[in-house]
């Protein structure tokens, strides 16, 4: 399975970015698609994820600012990030979990929010 991410970059506080991830290759049906992030010196944490049936959940710190969207037919997932804050600065990783509970990770894309 290959996950290809795009959309990271540098933005000023209050700005917006959109991350996208496409899954390709051979794998069992996808259950979860989502985004995690890891800031320097911190553990990787969930940002948002989407279940195949449409359920989503978000980290409390991004609720109301970030929106996850998923296209099951294309096996893509996007993260629209608005009202970005300096504390959102991190490497963002795309994650896919199959119905067999196997996890796959993207290479990571850096998001830097300047104050």
Protein backbone atom coordinates (compact mmCIF):
# COMPACT_ATOMS: atom_id res chain seq x y z
CA UNK A 1 0.00 0.00 0.00
CA UNK A 2 1.28 3.43 -0.87
CA UNK A 3 -0.03 6.64 0.61
CA UNK A 4 0.87 9.84 -1.19
CA UNK A 5 0.32 13.08 0.67
CA UNK A 6 0.30 16.63 -0.57
CA UNK A 7 -0.57 20.10 0.57
CA UNK A 8 1.71 20.99 3.46
CA UNK A 9 3.59 24.24 3.69
CA UNK A 10 4.09 27.52 5.49
CA UNK A 11 1.14 29.71 6.42
CA UNK A 12 0.52 32.62 8.74
CA UNK A 13 -1.65 32.23 11.81
CA UNK A 14 -5.31 32.48 10.85
CA UNK A 15 -4.67 31.10 7.41
CA UNK A 16 -5.79 27.88 5.75
CA UNK A 17 -4.23 24.82 4.19
CA UNK A 18 -5.64 21.68 2.64
CA UNK A 19 -3.94 18.32 2.91
CA UNK A 20 -4.73 15.44 0.59
CA UNK A 21 -3.83 11.77 0.62
CA UNK A 22 -4.38 9.05 -1.96
CA UNK A 23 -4.06 5.34 -1.26
CA UNK A 24 -2.98 2.91 -3.95
CA UNK A 25 -1.84 -0.67 -4.18
CA UNK A 26 -3.28 -3.95 -3.08
CA UNK A 27 -4.98 -4.13 0.28
CA UNK A 28 -8.08 -5.26 2.07
CA UNK A 29 -11.00 -2.90 2.36
CA UNK A 30 -10.22 0.32 4.17
CA UNK A 31 -11.94 0.93 7.45
CA UNK A 32 -10.46 4.19 8.74
CA UNK A 33 -8.76 6.99 6.83
CA UNK A 34 -7.38 9.91 8.72
CA UNK A 35 -4.65 12.27 9.76
CA UNK A 36 -2.25 12.28 12.66
CA UNK A 37 0.40 14.82 13.53
CA UNK A 38 3.63 14.94 15.43
CA UNK A 39 5.16 18.14 16.72
CA UNK A 40 8.84 18.33 17.73
CA UNK A 41 9.39 16.61 21.05
CA UNK A 42 5.83 15.33 21.24
CA UNK A 43 4.07 12.05 20.57
CA UNK A 44 2.09 11.46 17.42
CA UNK A 45 -1.56 12.32 17.98
CA UNK A 46 -4.83 11.88 16.18
CA UNK A 47 -6.08 14.95 14.34
CA UNK A 48 -9.14 13.59 12.56
CA UNK A 49 -10.32 10.33 11.06
CA UNK A 50 -13.22 9.05 9.01
CA UNK A 51 -14.85 5.63 9.15
CA UNK A 52 -15.99 4.03 5.92
CA UNK A 53 -19.65 4.47 6.86
CA UNK A 54 -19.26 8.22 7.35
CA UNK A 55 -18.60 8.60 11.06
CA UNK A 56 -15.84 11.06 11.88
CA UNK A 57 -14.02 12.10 15.00
CA UNK A 58 -11.69 14.98 15.72
CA UNK A 59 -9.18 15.99 18.33
CA UNK A 60 -10.72 18.56 20.65
CA UNK A 61 -8.01 21.04 19.69
CA UNK A 62 -9.12 21.14 16.05
CA UNK A 63 -12.91 20.86 16.33
CA UNK A 64 -14.62 23.65 14.48
CA UNK A 65 -11.47 24.54 12.53
CA UNK A 66 -10.56 21.37 10.62
CA UNK A 67 -12.79 19.30 8.37
CA UNK A 68 -12.00 15.82 7.11
CA UNK A 69 -13.50 14.51 3.90
CA UNK A 70 -13.20 11.15 2.24
CA UNK A 71 -13.92 9.66 -1.14
CA UNK A 72 -14.41 5.92 -0.74
CA UNK A 73 -14.51 5.27 -4.47
CA UNK A 74 -11.14 6.94 -5.02
CA UNK A 75 -9.59 5.98 -1.67
CA UNK A 76 -8.65 9.54 -0.93
CA UNK A 77 -8.90 11.62 2.20
CA UNK A 78 -8.47 15.35 2.66
CA UNK A 79 -8.11 17.65 5.61
CA UNK A 80 -9.22 21.25 5.31
CA UNK A 81 -7.50 23.28 7.98
CA UNK A 82 -8.82 26.76 8.74
CA UNK A 83 -7.95 29.32 11.39
CA UNK A 84 -4.54 27.75 11.80
CA UNK A 85 -2.58 28.43 14.95
CA UNK A 86 1.16 28.20 15.65
CA UNK A 87 0.45 25.19 17.85
CA UNK A 88 -0.81 23.36 14.77
CA UNK A 89 2.76 23.27 13.48
CA UNK A 90 3.74 19.63 13.02
CA UNK A 91 4.42 16.89 10.54
CA UNK A 92 1.06 15.55 9.42
CA UNK A 93 0.75 11.89 8.52
CA UNK A 94 -1.95 10.22 6.49
CA UNK A 95 -3.16 6.96 8.03
CA UNK A 96 -5.18 4.11 6.62
CA UNK A 97 -6.47 1.19 8.64
CA UNK A 98 -7.89 -1.83 6.83
CA UNK A 99 -10.69 -4.10 8.01
CA UNK A 100 -7.94 -6.46 9.18
CA UNK A 101 -6.70 -3.69 11.47
CA UNK A 102 -3.49 -3.19 9.52
CA UNK A 103 -2.19 0.36 9.62
CA UNK A 104 -0.40 2.15 6.81
CA UNK A 105 1.30 5.53 7.03
CA UNK A 106 2.25 8.22 4.59
CA UNK A 107 5.68 9.79 4.54
CA UNK A 108 4.47 12.91 6.32
CA UNK A 109 4.03 16.48 5.21
CA UNK A 110 5.22 19.49 7.19
CA UNK A 111 2.79 22.20 8.20
CA UNK A 112 4.34 25.33 9.67
CA UNK A 113 2.17 28.10 11.08
CA UNK A 114 3.93 31.36 11.79
CA UNK A 115 2.71 33.83 14.39
